[in-house]
Amino acid sequence: MEPGARFWRVYLDEAAEFDLDMVENMKDTVDVILGFAGLFSAIVTTLVVLTAAALQLDHPKVTNSLLIELIPIQRAAASCRSIDQVTPSTLNAESASDPTADITDYWVNGLWFTSLAFSLSTR
């Protein structure tokens, strides 16, 4: 068993062929995984964009509520009645969050963002 023996040449040739096949198989597997991760990230990003809107304040709803409140105030002022009789709106422009957002919306969005973070970190 000398270093230049025929056994080692055959062994090295067979090992090189085996290694090349293994690398090709792994390359194909990694390509499939990266393709899946890319598609999954694109889909989750779309869902995150659509569901994140549920957490934001609905500005048209606030505007409509304040305009509806303004009509009785104007009527009271025109008829010389007290403005204190007008019930104030529960919505205002400075609201920190949408009162219609449920805790479920926050959980779902948190899970979507977590899924997106994990998907992008694997790429």
PDB file of N, CA and C in Angstrom:
ATOM      1  N   MET A   1       0.820  -1.182   0.000  1.00  0.00           N
ATOM      2  CA  MET A   1       0.000   0.000   0.000  1.00  0.00           C
ATOM      3  C   MET A   1       0.873   1.258   0.000  1.00  0.00           C
ATOM      4  N   GLU A   2       1.535   1.460  -1.063  1.00  0.00           N
ATOM      5  CA  GLU A   2       2.368   2.647  -1.211  1.00  0.00           C
ATOM      6  C   GLU A   2       1.485   3.829  -1.627  1.00  0.00           C
ATOM      7  N   PRO A   3       1.938   5.061  -1.428  1.00  0.00           N
ATOM      8  CA  PRO A   3       1.123   6.227  -1.782  1.00  0.00           C
ATOM      9  C   PRO A   3       0.778   6.298  -3.259  1.00  0.00           C
ATOM     10  N   GLY A   4       1.581   5.768  -4.143  1.00  0.00           N
ATOM     11  CA  GLY A   4       1.305   5.827  -5.574  1.00  0.00           C
ATOM     12  C   GLY A   4       0.692   4.557  -6.109  1.00  0.00           C
ATOM     13  N   ALA A   5       0.188   3.674  -5.273  1.00  0.00           N
ATOM     14  CA  ALA A   5      -0.355   2.381  -5.702  1.00  0.00           C
ATOM     15  C   ALA A   5      -1.644   2.582  -6.503  1.00  0.00           C
ATOM     16  N   ARG A   6      -1.948   1.581  -7.312  1.00  0.00           N
ATOM     17  CA  ARG A   6      -3.133   1.618  -8.164  1.00  0.00           C
ATOM     18  C   ARG A   6      -4.407   1.724  -7.328  1.00  0.00           C
ATOM     19  N   PHE A   7      -4.424   1.118  -6.158  1.00  0.00           N
ATOM     20  CA  PHE A   7      -5.585   1.141  -5.268  1.00  0.00           C
ATOM     21  C   PHE A   7      -6.004   2.582  -4.961  1.00  0.00           C
ATOM     22  N   TRP A   8      -5.040   3.439  -4.643  1.00  0.00           N
ATOM     23  CA  TRP A   8      -5.350   4.823  -4.265  1.00  0.00           C
ATOM     24  C   TRP A   8      -5.847   5.628  -5.459  1.00  0.00           C
ATOM     25  N   ARG A   9      -5.319   5.365  -6.630  1.00  0.00           N
ATOM     26  CA  ARG A   9      -5.801   6.081  -7.816  1.00  0.00           C
ATOM     27  C   ARG A   9      -7.252   5.721  -8.108  1.00  0.00           C
ATOM     28  N   VAL A  10      -7.569   4.437  -8.019  1.00  0.00           N
ATOM     29  CA  VAL A  10      -8.956   3.999  -8.249  1.00  0.00           C
ATOM     30  C   VAL A  10      -9.870   4.577  -7.173  1.00  0.00           C
ATOM     31  N   TYR A  11      -9.393   4.511  -5.934  1.00  0.00           N
ATOM     32  CA  TYR A  11     -10.182   5.043  -4.812  1.00  0.00           C
ATOM     33  C   TYR A  11     -10.445   6.538  -4.997  1.00  0.00           C
ATOM     34  N   LEU A  12      -9.433   7.315  -5.356  1.00  0.00           N
ATOM     35  CA  LEU A  12      -9.596   8.749  -5.540  1.00  0.00           C
ATOM     36  C   LEU A  12     -10.514   9.078  -6.711  1.00  0.00           C
ATOM     37  N   ASP A  13     -10.431   8.284  -7.780  1.00  0.00           N
ATOM     38  CA  ASP A  13     -11.337   8.497  -8.910  1.00  0.00           C
ATOM     39  C   ASP A  13     -12.794   8.228  -8.503  1.00  0.00           C
ATOM     40  N   GLU A  14     -13.027   7.133  -7.787  1.00  0.00           N
ATOM     41  CA  GLU A  14     -14.377   6.790  -7.339  1.00  0.00           C
ATOM     42  C   GLU A  14     -14.896   7.826  -6.328  1.00  0.00           C
ATOM     43  N   ALA A  15     -14.024   8.263  -5.424  1.00  0.00           N
ATOM     44  CA  ALA A  15     -14.426   9.259  -4.421  1.00  0.00           C
ATOM     45  C   ALA A  15     -14.756  10.591  -5.082  1.00  0.00           C
ATOM     46  N   ALA A  16     -13.988  10.969  -6.100  1.00  0.00           N
ATOM     47  CA  ALA A  16     -14.257  12.228  -6.807  1.00  0.00           C
ATOM     48  C   ALA A  16     -15.595  12.156  -7.529  1.00  0.00           C
ATOM     49  N   GLU A  17     -15.893  11.012  -8.149  1.00  0.00           N
ATOM     50  CA  GLU A  17     -17.168  10.842  -8.842  1.00  0.00           C
ATOM     51  C   GLU A  17     -18.333  10.890  -7.847  1.00  0.00           C
ATOM     52  N   PHE A  18     -18.170  10.206  -6.715  1.00  0.00           N
ATOM     53  CA  PHE A  18     -19.202  10.205  -5.675  1.00  0.00           C
ATOM     54  C   PHE A  18     -19.429  11.619  -5.136  1.00  0.00           C
ATOM     55  N   ASP A  19     -18.352  12.350  -4.874  1.00  0.00           N
ATOM     56  CA  ASP A  19     -18.459  13.715  -4.355  1.00  0.00           C
ATOM     57  C   ASP A  19     -19.141  14.637  -5.357  1.00  0.00           C
ATOM     58  N   LEU A  20     -18.824  14.478  -6.638  1.00  0.00           N
ATOM     59  CA  LEU A  20     -19.444  15.299  -7.665  1.00  0.00           C
ATOM     60  C   LEU A  20     -20.947  15.043  -7.735  1.00  0.00           C
ATOM     61  N   ASP A  21     -21.358  13.770  -7.677  1.00  0.00           N
ATOM     62  CA  ASP A  21     -22.783  13.442  -7.670  1.00  0.00           C
ATOM     63  C   ASP A  21     -23.476  14.030  -6.441  1.00  0.00           C
ATOM     64  N   MET A  22     -22.830  13.936  -5.282  1.00  0.00           N
ATOM     65  CA  MET A  22     -23.419  14.447  -4.049  1.00  0.00           C
ATOM     66  C   MET A  22     -23.583  15.971  -4.120  1.00  0.00           C
ATOM     67  N   VAL A  23     -22.597  16.659  -4.653  1.00  0.00           N
ATOM     68  CA  VAL A  23     -22.672  18.114  -4.774  1.00  0.00           C
ATOM     69  C   VAL A  23     -23.785  18.507  -5.744  1.00  0.00           C
ATOM     70  N   GLU A  24     -23.929  17.798  -6.854  1.00  0.00           N
ATOM     71  CA  GLU A  24     -24.993  18.094  -7.813  1.00  0.00           C
ATOM     72  C   GLU A  24     -26.365  17.902  -7.182  1.00  0.00           C
ATOM     73  N   ASN A  25     -26.537  16.813  -6.422  1.00  0.00           N
ATOM     74  CA  ASN A  25     -27.815  16.565  -5.752  1.00  0.00           C
ATOM     75  C   ASN A  25     -28.113  17.657  -4.723  1.00  0.00           C
ATOM     76  N   MET A  26     -27.116  18.068  -3.965  1.00  0.00           N
ATOM     77  CA  MET A  26     -27.324  19.117  -2.973  1.00  0.00           C
ATOM     78  C   MET A  26     -27.628  20.449  -3.649  1.00  0.00           C
ATOM     79  N   LYS A  27     -26.975  20.717  -4.765  1.00  0.00           N
ATOM     80  CA  LYS A  27     -27.215  21.955  -5.503  1.00  0.00           C
ATOM     81  C   LYS A  27     -28.661  22.021  -5.980  1.00  0.00           C
ATOM     82  N   ASP A  28     -29.171  20.917  -6.513  1.00  0.00           N
ATOM     83  CA  ASP A  28     -30.561  20.870  -6.951  1.00  0.00           C
ATOM     84  C   ASP A  28     -31.510  21.063  -5.775  1.00  0.00           C
ATOM     85  N   THR A  29     -31.205  20.439  -4.645  1.00  0.00           N
ATOM     86  CA  THR A  29     -32.047  20.573  -3.465  1.00  0.00           C
ATOM     87  C   THR A  29     -32.063  22.011  -2.959  1.00  0.00           C
ATOM     88  N   VAL A  30     -30.924  22.641  -2.915  1.00  0.00           N
ATOM     89  CA  VAL A  30     -30.839  24.024  -2.447  1.00  0.00           C
ATOM     90  C   VAL A  30     -31.588  24.947  -3.409  1.00  0.00           C
ATOM     91  N   ASP A  31     -31.506  24.695  -4.712  1.00  0.00           N
ATOM     92  CA  ASP A  31     -32.243  25.507  -5.684  1.00  0.00           C
ATOM     93  C   ASP A  31     -33.749  25.420  -5.440  1.00  0.00           C
ATOM     94  N   VAL A  32     -34.239  24.231  -5.171  1.00  0.00           N
ATOM     95  CA  VAL A  32     -35.669  24.047  -4.908  1.00  0.00           C
ATOM     96  C   VAL A  32     -36.061  24.759  -3.612  1.00  0.00           C
ATOM     97  N   ILE A  33     -35.261  24.630  -2.579  1.00  0.00           N
ATOM     98  CA  ILE A  33     -35.571  25.266  -1.298  1.00  0.00           C
ATOM     99  C   ILE A  33     -35.563  26.786  -1.437  1.00  0.00           C
ATOM    100  N   LEU A  34     -34.588  27.336  -2.147  1.00  0.00           N
ATOM    101  CA  LEU A  34     -34.536  28.782  -2.339  1.00  0.00           C
ATOM    102  C   LEU A  34     -35.703  29.285  -3.190  1.00  0.00           C
ATOM    103  N   GLY A  35     -36.089  28.520  -4.182  1.00  0.00           N
ATOM    104  CA  GLY A  35     -37.250  28.893  -4.989  1.00  0.00           C
ATOM    105  C   GLY A  35     -38.516  28.904  -4.159  1.00  0.00           C
ATOM    106  N   PHE A  36     -38.687  27.881  -3.324  1.00  0.00           N
ATOM    107  CA  PHE A  36     -39.850  27.826  -2.444  1.00  0.00           C
ATOM    108  C   PHE A  36     -39.827  28.977  -1.449  1.00  0.00           C
ATOM    109  N   ALA A  37     -38.672  29.266  -0.871  1.00  0.00           N
ATOM    110  CA  ALA A  37     -38.566  30.361   0.101  1.00  0.00           C
ATOM    111  C   ALA A  37     -38.879  31.701  -0.559  1.00  0.00           C
ATOM    112  N   GLY A  38     -38.450  31.890  -1.781  1.00  0.00           N
ATOM    113  CA  GLY A  38     -38.750  33.130  -2.495  1.00  0.00           C
ATOM    114  C   GLY A  38     -40.235  33.296  -2.765  1.00  0.00           C
ATOM    115  N   LEU A  39     -40.879  32.232  -3.235  1.00  0.00           N
ATOM    116  CA  LEU A  39     -42.318  32.295  -3.481  1.00  0.00           C
ATOM    117  C   LEU A  39     -43.089  32.492  -2.176  1.00  0.00           C
ATOM    118  N   PHE A  40     -42.675  31.780  -1.139  1.00  0.00           N
ATOM    119  CA  PHE A  40     -43.345  31.904   0.150  1.00  0.00           C
ATOM    120  C   PHE A  40     -43.205  33.328   0.689  1.00  0.00           C
ATOM    121  N   SER A  41     -42.027  33.911   0.553  1.00  0.00           N
ATOM    122  CA  SER A  41     -41.803  35.288   1.021  1.00  0.00           C
ATOM    123  C   SER A  41     -42.679  36.270   0.252  1.00  0.00           C
ATOM    124  N   ALA A  42     -42.818  36.076  -1.040  1.00  0.00           N
ATOM    125  CA  ALA A  42     -43.649  36.965  -1.850  1.00  0.00           C
ATOM    126  C   ALA A  42     -45.117  36.882  -1.428  1.00  0.00           C
ATOM    127  N   ILE A  43     -45.597  35.681  -1.190  1.00  0.00           N
ATOM    128  CA  ILE A  43     -46.992  35.503  -0.780  1.00  0.00           C
ATOM    129  C   ILE A  43     -47.222  36.086   0.602  1.00  0.00           C
ATOM    130  N   VAL A  44     -46.313  35.816   1.532  1.00  0.00           N
ATOM    131  CA  VAL A  44     -46.476  36.339   2.892  1.00  0.00           C
ATOM    132  C   VAL A  44     -46.379  37.865   2.897  1.00  0.00           C
ATOM    133  N   THR A  45     -45.522  38.439   2.073  1.00  0.00           N
ATOM    134  CA  THR A  45     -45.429  39.897   1.995  1.00  0.00           C
ATOM    135  C   THR A  45     -46.749  40.493   1.532  1.00  0.00           C
ATOM    136  N   THR A  46     -47.377  39.868   0.554  1.00  0.00           N
ATOM    137  CA  THR A  46     -48.681  40.336   0.086  1.00  0.00           C
ATOM    138  C   THR A  46     -49.717  40.267   1.203  1.00  0.00           C
ATOM    139  N   LEU A  47     -49.732  39.174   1.936  1.00  0.00           N
ATOM    140  CA  LEU A  47     -50.687  39.036   3.038  1.00  0.00           C
ATOM    141  C   LEU A  47     -50.408  40.041   4.152  1.00  0.00           C
ATOM    142  N   VAL A  48     -49.145  40.308   4.431  1.00  0.00           N
ATOM    143  CA  VAL A  48     -48.792  41.286   5.467  1.00  0.00           C
ATOM    144  C   VAL A  48     -49.289  42.668   5.066  1.00  0.00           C
ATOM    145  N   VAL A  49     -49.098  43.027   3.800  1.00  0.00           N
ATOM    146  CA  VAL A  49     -49.545  44.346   3.340  1.00  0.00           C
ATOM    147  C   VAL A  49     -51.056  44.470   3.463  1.00  0.00           C
ATOM    148  N   LEU A  50     -51.773  43.415   3.125  1.00  0.00           N
ATOM    149  CA  LEU A  50     -53.236  43.473   3.177  1.00  0.00           C
ATOM    150  C   LEU A  50     -53.765  43.480   4.602  1.00  0.00           C
ATOM    151  N   THR A  51     -53.162  42.720   5.491  1.00  0.00           N
ATOM    152  CA  THR A  51     -53.685  42.629   6.852  1.00  0.00           C
ATOM    153  C   THR A  51     -53.183  43.743   7.760  1.00  0.00           C
ATOM    154  N   ALA A  52     -52.072  44.370   7.418  1.00  0.00           N
ATOM    155  CA  ALA A  52     -51.568  45.461   8.253  1.00  0.00           C
ATOM    156  C   ALA A  52     -52.489  46.677   8.183  1.00  0.00           C
ATOM    157  N   ALA A  53     -53.261  46.795   7.122  1.00  0.00           N
ATOM    158  CA  ALA A  53     -54.191  47.911   6.999  1.00  0.00           C
ATOM    159  C   ALA A  53     -55.278  47.853   8.069  1.00  0.00           C
ATOM    160  N   ALA A  54     -55.570  46.665   8.591  1.00  0.00           N
ATOM    161  CA  ALA A  54     -56.593  46.532   9.632  1.00  0.00           C
ATOM    162  C   ALA A  54     -56.144  47.155  10.950  1.00  0.00           C
ATOM    163  N   LEU A  55     -54.852  47.363  11.134  1.00  0.00           N
ATOM    164  CA  LEU A  55     -54.341  47.922  12.380  1.00  0.00           C
ATOM    165  C   LEU A  55     -54.263  49.439  12.354  1.00  0.00           C
ATOM    166  N   GLN A  56     -54.401  50.036  11.200  1.00  0.00           N
ATOM    167  CA  GLN A  56     -54.260  51.477  11.090  1.00  0.00           C
ATOM    168  C   GLN A  56     -55.604  52.169  11.281  1.00  0.00           C
ATOM    169  N   LEU A  57     -55.534  53.417  11.676  1.00  0.00           N
ATOM    170  CA  LEU A  57     -56.725  54.217  11.895  1.00  0.00           C
ATOM    171  C   LEU A  57     -57.458  54.440  10.578  1.00  0.00           C
ATOM    172  N   ASP A  58     -58.771  54.288  10.604  1.00  0.00           N
ATOM    173  CA  ASP A  58     -59.599  54.486   9.423  1.00  0.00           C
ATOM    174  C   ASP A  58     -59.949  55.977   9.322  1.00  0.00           C
ATOM    175  N   HIS A  59     -59.125  56.724   8.596  1.00  0.00           N
ATOM    176  CA  HIS A  59     -59.292  58.176   8.517  1.00  0.00           C
ATOM    177  C   HIS A  59     -60.633  58.596   7.911  1.00  0.00           C
ATOM    178  N   PRO A  60     -61.133  57.952   6.853  1.00  0.00           N
ATOM    179  CA  PRO A  60     -62.460  58.339   6.360  1.00  0.00           C
ATOM    180  C   PRO A  60     -63.557  58.150   7.403  1.00  0.00           C
ATOM    181  N   LYS A  61     -63.456  57.124   8.217  1.00  0.00           N
ATOM    182  CA  LYS A  61     -64.451  56.893   9.263  1.00  0.00           C
ATOM    183  C   LYS A  61     -64.413  58.018  10.305  1.00  0.00           C
ATOM    184  N   VAL A  62     -63.208  58.443  10.679  1.00  0.00           N
ATOM    185  CA  VAL A  62     -63.069  59.546  11.632  1.00  0.00           C
ATOM    186  C   VAL A  62     -63.615  60.833  11.030  1.00  0.00           C
ATOM    187  N   THR A  63     -63.298  61.103   9.780  1.00  0.00           N
ATOM    188  CA  THR A  63     -63.775  62.310   9.112  1.00  0.00           C
ATOM    189  C   THR A  63     -65.293  62.324   9.042  1.00  0.00           C
ATOM    190  N   ASN A  64     -65.895  61.205   8.661  1.00  0.00           N
ATOM    191  CA  ASN A  64     -67.355  61.122   8.588  1.00  0.00           C
ATOM    192  C   ASN A  64     -67.988  61.342   9.954  1.00  0.00           C
ATOM    193  N   SER A  65     -67.423  60.751  10.968  1.00  0.00           N
ATOM    194  CA  SER A  65     -67.966  60.910  12.318  1.00  0.00           C
ATOM    195  C   SER A  65     -67.903  62.361  12.771  1.00  0.00           C
ATOM    196  N   LEU A  66     -66.790  63.027  12.502  1.00  0.00           N
ATOM    197  CA  LEU A  66     -66.653  64.429  12.906  1.00  0.00           C
ATOM    198  C   LEU A  66     -67.569  65.341  12.098  1.00  0.00           C
ATOM    199  N   LEU A  67     -67.771  65.023  10.814  1.00  0.00           N
ATOM    200  CA  LEU A  67     -68.699  65.810  10.000  1.00  0.00           C
ATOM    201  C   LEU A  67     -70.136  65.619  10.464  1.00  0.00           C
ATOM    202  N   ILE A  68     -70.501  64.401  10.834  1.00  0.00           N
ATOM    203  CA  ILE A  68     -71.849  64.144  11.351  1.00  0.00           C
ATOM    204  C   ILE A  68     -72.056  64.902  12.663  1.00  0.00           C
ATOM    205  N   GLU A  69     -71.011  65.001  13.471  1.00  0.00           N
ATOM    206  CA  GLU A  69     -71.101  65.762  14.715  1.00  0.00           C
ATOM    207  C   GLU A  69     -71.209  67.266  14.435  1.00  0.00           C
ATOM    208  N   LEU A  70     -70.604  67.711  13.360  1.00  0.00           N
ATOM    209  CA  LEU A  70     -70.601  69.137  13.030  1.00  0.00           C
ATOM    210  C   LEU A  70     -71.991  69.633  12.626  1.00  0.00           C
ATOM    211  N   ILE A  71     -72.795  68.799  11.999  1.00  0.00           N
ATOM    212  CA  ILE A  71     -74.137  69.216  11.560  1.00  0.00           C
ATOM    213  C   ILE A  71     -75.011  69.618  12.749  1.00  0.00           C
ATOM    214  N   PRO A  72     -75.134  68.808  13.811  1.00  0.00           N
ATOM    215  CA  PRO A  72     -75.940  69.258  14.959  1.00  0.00           C
ATOM    216  C   PRO A  72     -75.357  70.504  15.637  1.00  0.00           C
ATOM    217  N   ILE A  73     -74.031  70.655  15.615  1.00  0.00           N
ATOM    218  CA  ILE A  73     -73.434  71.856  16.211  1.00  0.00           C
ATOM    219  C   ILE A  73     -73.863  73.092  15.418  1.00  0.00           C
ATOM    220  N   GLN A  74     -73.844  72.992  14.094  1.00  0.00           N
ATOM    221  CA  GLN A  74     -74.259  74.126  13.267  1.00  0.00           C
ATOM    222  C   GLN A  74     -75.744  74.436  13.452  1.00  0.00           C
ATOM    223  N   ARG A  75     -76.578  73.400  13.559  1.00  0.00           N
ATOM    224  CA  ARG A  75     -78.007  73.615  13.780  1.00  0.00           C
ATOM    225  C   ARG A  75     -78.248  74.277  15.134  1.00  0.00           C
ATOM    226  N   ALA A  76     -77.495  73.804  16.147  1.00  0.00           N
ATOM    227  CA  ALA A  76     -77.657  74.406  17.475  1.00  0.00           C
ATOM    228  C   ALA A  76     -77.217  75.860  17.452  1.00  0.00           C
ATOM    229  N   ALA A  77     -76.138  76.169  16.765  1.00  0.00           N
ATOM    230  CA  ALA A  77     -75.668  77.548  16.690  1.00  0.00           C
ATOM    231  C   ALA A  77     -76.638  78.416  15.889  1.00  0.00           C
ATOM    232  N   ALA A  78     -77.242  77.874  14.840  1.00  0.00           N
ATOM    233  CA  ALA A  78     -78.177  78.644  14.016  1.00  0.00           C
ATOM    234  C   ALA A  78     -79.477  78.934  14.760  1.00  0.00           C
ATOM    235  N   SER A  79     -79.885  78.029  15.638  1.00  0.00           N
ATOM    236  CA  SER A  79     -81.140  78.232  16.372  1.00  0.00           C
ATOM    237  C   SER A  79     -80.888  78.817  17.762  1.00  0.00           C
ATOM    238  N   CYS A  80     -79.683  79.264  18.025  1.00  0.00           N
ATOM    239  CA  CYS A  80     -79.288  79.901  19.292  1.00  0.00           C
ATOM    240  C   CYS A  80     -79.480  78.975  20.493  1.00  0.00           C
ATOM    241  N   ARG A  81     -79.275  77.675  20.297  1.00  0.00           N
ATOM    242  CA  ARG A  81     -79.327  76.722  21.410  1.00  0.00           C
ATOM    243  C   ARG A  81     -77.919  76.464  21.907  1.00  0.00           C
ATOM    244  N   SER A  82     -77.832  75.798  23.028  1.00  0.00           N
ATOM    245  CA  SER A  82     -76.532  75.489  23.624  1.00  0.00           C
ATOM    246  C   SER A  82     -75.864  74.349  22.847  1.00  0.00           C
ATOM    247  N   ILE A  83     -74.598  74.508  22.607  1.00  0.00           N
ATOM    248  CA  ILE A  83     -73.829  73.471  21.904  1.00  0.00           C
ATOM    249  C   ILE A  83     -73.550  72.298  22.830  1.00  0.00           C
ATOM    250  N   ASP A  84     -73.688  72.480  24.120  1.00  0.00           N
ATOM    251  CA  ASP A  84     -73.430  71.398  25.076  1.00  0.00           C
ATOM    252  C   ASP A  84     -74.406  70.241  24.932  1.00  0.00           C
ATOM    253  N   GLN A  85     -75.544  70.468  24.279  1.00  0.00           N
ATOM    254  CA  GLN A  85     -76.542  69.413  24.111  1.00  0.00           C
ATOM    255  C   GLN A  85     -76.133  68.412  23.029  1.00  0.00           C
ATOM    256  N   VAL A  86     -75.183  68.763  22.197  1.00  0.00           N
ATOM    257  CA  VAL A  86     -74.726  67.883  21.112  1.00  0.00           C
ATOM    258  C   VAL A  86     -73.782  66.839  21.705  1.00  0.00           C
ATOM    259  N   THR A  87     -74.085  65.574  21.449  1.00  0.00           N
ATOM    260  CA  THR A  87     -73.221  64.508  21.969  1.00  0.00           C
ATOM    261  C   THR A  87     -71.950  64.441  21.132  1.00  0.00           C
ATOM    262  N   PRO A  88     -70.791  64.466  21.776  1.00  0.00           N
ATOM    263  CA  PRO A  88     -69.530  64.432  21.018  1.00  0.00           C
ATOM    264  C   PRO A  88     -69.258  63.042  20.443  1.00  0.00           C
ATOM    265  N   SER A  89     -68.524  63.032  19.369  1.00  0.00           N
ATOM    266  CA  SER A  89     -68.153  61.779  18.714  1.00  0.00           C
ATOM    267  C   SER A  89     -67.105  61.046  19.540  1.00  0.00           C
ATOM    268  N   THR A  90     -67.127  59.734  19.475  1.00  0.00           N
ATOM    269  CA  THR A  90     -66.113  58.935  20.179  1.00  0.00           C
ATOM    270  C   THR A  90     -64.809  58.873  19.393  1.00  0.00           C
ATOM    271  N   LEU A  91     -64.874  59.169  18.095  1.00  0.00           N
ATOM    272  CA  LEU A  91     -63.683  59.151  17.254  1.00  0.00           C
ATOM    273  C   LEU A  91     -63.139  60.561  17.096  1.00  0.00           C
ATOM    274  N   ASN A  92     -61.820  60.672  16.994  1.00  0.00           N
ATOM    275  CA  ASN A  92     -61.211  61.956  16.710  1.00  0.00           C
ATOM    276  C   ASN A  92     -59.935  61.742  15.909  1.00  0.00           C
ATOM    277  N   ALA A  93     -59.376  62.818  15.391  1.00  0.00           N
ATOM    278  CA  ALA A  93     -58.205  62.719  14.519  1.00  0.00           C
ATOM    279  C   ALA A  93     -56.954  62.314  15.278  1.00  0.00           C
ATOM    280  N   GLU A  94     -56.939  62.463  16.587  1.00  0.00           N
ATOM    281  CA  GLU A  94     -55.744  62.135  17.368  1.00  0.00           C
ATOM    282  C   GLU A  94     -55.798  60.729  17.978  1.00  0.00           C
ATOM    283  N   SER A  95     -56.750  59.940  17.575  1.00  0.00           N
ATOM    284  CA  SER A  95     -56.846  58.585  18.126  1.00  0.00           C
ATOM    285  C   SER A  95     -55.570  57.816  17.843  1.00  0.00           C
ATOM    286  N   ALA A  96     -55.049  57.139  18.865  1.00  0.00           N
ATOM    287  CA  ALA A  96     -53.780  56.421  18.707  1.00  0.00           C
ATOM    288  C   ALA A  96     -53.938  55.167  17.863  1.00  0.00           C
ATOM    289  N   SER A  97     -55.061  54.504  18.006  1.00  0.00           N
ATOM    290  CA  SER A  97     -55.271  53.280  17.231  1.00  0.00           C
ATOM    291  C   SER A  97     -56.750  53.163  16.895  1.00  0.00           C
ATOM    292  N   ASP A  98     -57.026  52.323  15.955  1.00  0.00           N
ATOM    293  CA  ASP A  98     -58.395  52.116  15.527  1.00  0.00           C
ATOM    294  C   ASP A  98     -59.143  51.339  16.609  1.00  0.00           C
ATOM    295  N   PRO A  99     -60.249  51.871  17.132  1.00  0.00           N
ATOM    296  CA  PRO A  99     -60.974  51.143  18.166  1.00  0.00           C
ATOM    297  C   PRO A  99     -61.617  49.863  17.656  1.00  0.00           C
ATOM    298  N   THR A 100     -61.713  49.719  16.330  1.00  0.00           N
ATOM    299  CA  THR A 100     -62.306  48.498  15.791  1.00  0.00           C
ATOM    300  C   THR A 100     -61.277  47.376  15.650  1.00  0.00           C
ATOM    301  N   ALA A 101     -59.993  47.679  15.823  1.00  0.00           N
ATOM    302  CA  ALA A 101     -58.960  46.630  15.713  1.00  0.00           C
ATOM    303  C   ALA A 101     -59.076  45.703  16.912  1.00  0.00           C
ATOM    304  N   ASP A 102     -59.118  44.441  16.623  1.00  0.00           N
ATOM    305  CA  ASP A 102     -59.276  43.424  17.651  1.00  0.00           C
ATOM    306  C   ASP A 102     -57.901  42.860  18.015  1.00  0.00           C
ATOM    307  N   ILE A 103     -57.820  42.223  19.174  1.00  0.00           N
ATOM    308  CA  ILE A 103     -56.552  41.607  19.600  1.00  0.00           C
ATOM    309  C   ILE A 103     -56.152  40.507  18.617  1.00  0.00           C
ATOM    310  N   THR A 104     -57.145  39.890  17.979  1.00  0.00           N
ATOM    311  CA  THR A 104     -56.863  38.852  16.988  1.00  0.00           C
ATOM    312  C   THR A 104     -56.107  39.434  15.799  1.00  0.00           C
ATOM    313  N   ASP A 105     -56.473  40.663  15.397  1.00  0.00           N
ATOM    314  CA  ASP A 105     -55.761  41.318  14.287  1.00  0.00           C
ATOM    315  C   ASP A 105     -54.285  41.497  14.620  1.00  0.00           C
ATOM    316  N   TYR A 106     -54.007  41.882  15.865  1.00  0.00           N
ATOM    317  CA  TYR A 106     -52.611  42.059  16.268  1.00  0.00           C
ATOM    318  C   TYR A 106     -51.862  40.732  16.279  1.00  0.00           C
ATOM    319  N   TRP A 107     -52.494  39.675  16.751  1.00  0.00           N
ATOM    320  CA  TRP A 107     -51.853  38.353  16.775  1.00  0.00           C
ATOM    321  C   TRP A 107     -51.590  37.839  15.364  1.00  0.00           C
ATOM    322  N   VAL A 108     -52.586  37.971  14.499  1.00  0.00           N
ATOM    323  CA  VAL A 108     -52.428  37.475  13.124  1.00  0.00           C
ATOM    324  C   VAL A 108     -51.309  38.229  12.419  1.00  0.00           C
ATOM    325  N   ASN A 109     -51.292  39.550  12.569  1.00  0.00           N
ATOM    326  CA  ASN A 109     -50.235  40.330  11.937  1.00  0.00           C
ATOM    327  C   ASN A 109     -48.879  40.013  12.544  1.00  0.00           C
ATOM    328  N   GLY A 110     -48.820  39.800  13.833  1.00  0.00           N
ATOM    329  CA  GLY A 110     -47.558  39.415  14.464  1.00  0.00           C
ATOM    330  C   GLY A 110     -47.041  38.095  13.919  1.00  0.00           C
ATOM    331  N   LEU A 111     -47.937  37.134  13.722  1.00  0.00           N
ATOM    332  CA  LEU A 111     -47.528  35.836  13.174  1.00  0.00           C
ATOM    333  C   LEU A 111     -47.102  35.963  11.706  1.00  0.00           C
ATOM    334  N   TRP A 112     -47.808  36.812  10.941  1.00  0.00           N
ATOM    335  CA  TRP A 112     -47.399  37.020   9.543  1.00  0.00           C
ATOM    336  C   TRP A 112     -46.014  37.637   9.472  1.00  0.00           C
ATOM    337  N   PHE A 113     -45.760  38.654  10.311  1.00  0.00           N
ATOM    338  CA  PHE A 113     -44.443  39.302  10.302  1.00  0.00           C
ATOM    339  C   PHE A 113     -43.355  38.332  10.757  1.00  0.00           C
ATOM    340  N   THR A 114     -43.665  37.492  11.747  1.00  0.00           N
ATOM    341  CA  THR A 114     -42.696  36.490  12.201  1.00  0.00           C
ATOM    342  C   THR A 114     -42.400  35.489  11.087  1.00  0.00           C
ATOM    343  N   SER A 115     -43.440  35.045  10.412  1.00  0.00           N
ATOM    344  CA  SER A 115     -43.263  34.109   9.296  1.00  0.00           C
ATOM    345  C   SER A 115     -42.421  34.733   8.189  1.00  0.00           C
ATOM    346  N   LEU A 116     -42.682  35.998   7.897  1.00  0.00           N
ATOM    347  CA  LEU A 116     -41.898  36.679   6.867  1.00  0.00           C
ATOM    348  C   LEU A 116     -40.441  36.825   7.287  1.00  0.00           C
ATOM    349  N   ALA A 117     -40.214  37.148   8.553  1.00  0.00           N
ATOM    350  CA  ALA A 117     -38.839  37.287   9.039  1.00  0.00           C
ATOM    351  C   ALA A 117     -38.091  35.959   8.950  1.00  0.00           C
ATOM    352  N   PHE A 118     -38.743  34.877   9.348  1.00  0.00           N
ATOM    353  CA  PHE A 118     -38.093  33.560   9.268  1.00  0.00           C
ATOM    354  C   PHE A 118     -37.840  33.171   7.812  1.00  0.00           C
ATOM    355  N   SER A 119     -38.800  33.444   6.948  1.00  0.00           N
ATOM    356  CA  SER A 119     -38.635  33.091   5.533  1.00  0.00           C
ATOM    357  C   SER A 119     -37.489  33.861   4.902  1.00  0.00           C
ATOM    358  N   LEU A 120     -37.390  35.152   5.204  1.00  0.00           N
ATOM    359  CA  LEU A 120     -36.307  35.938   4.621  1.00  0.00           C
ATOM    360  C   LEU A 120     -34.962  35.608   5.239  1.00  0.00           C
ATOM    361  N   SER A 121     -34.954  35.191   6.490  1.00  0.00           N
ATOM    362  CA  SER A 121     -33.667  34.857   7.123  1.00  0.00           C
ATOM    363  C   SER A 121     -33.117  33.524   6.615  1.00  0.00           C
ATOM    364  N   THR A 122     -33.955  32.662   6.078  1.00  0.00           N
ATOM    365  CA  THR A 122     -33.455  31.398   5.542  1.00  0.00           C
ATOM    366  C   THR A 122     -32.875  31.558   4.156  1.00  0.00           C
ATOM    367  N   ARG A 123     -33.200  32.647   3.484  1.00  0.00           N
ATOM    368  CA  ARG A 123     -32.716  32.861   2.131  1.00  0.00           C
ATOM    369  C   ARG A 123     -31.285  33.309   2.225  1.00  0.00           C
TER     370      ARG A 123
END
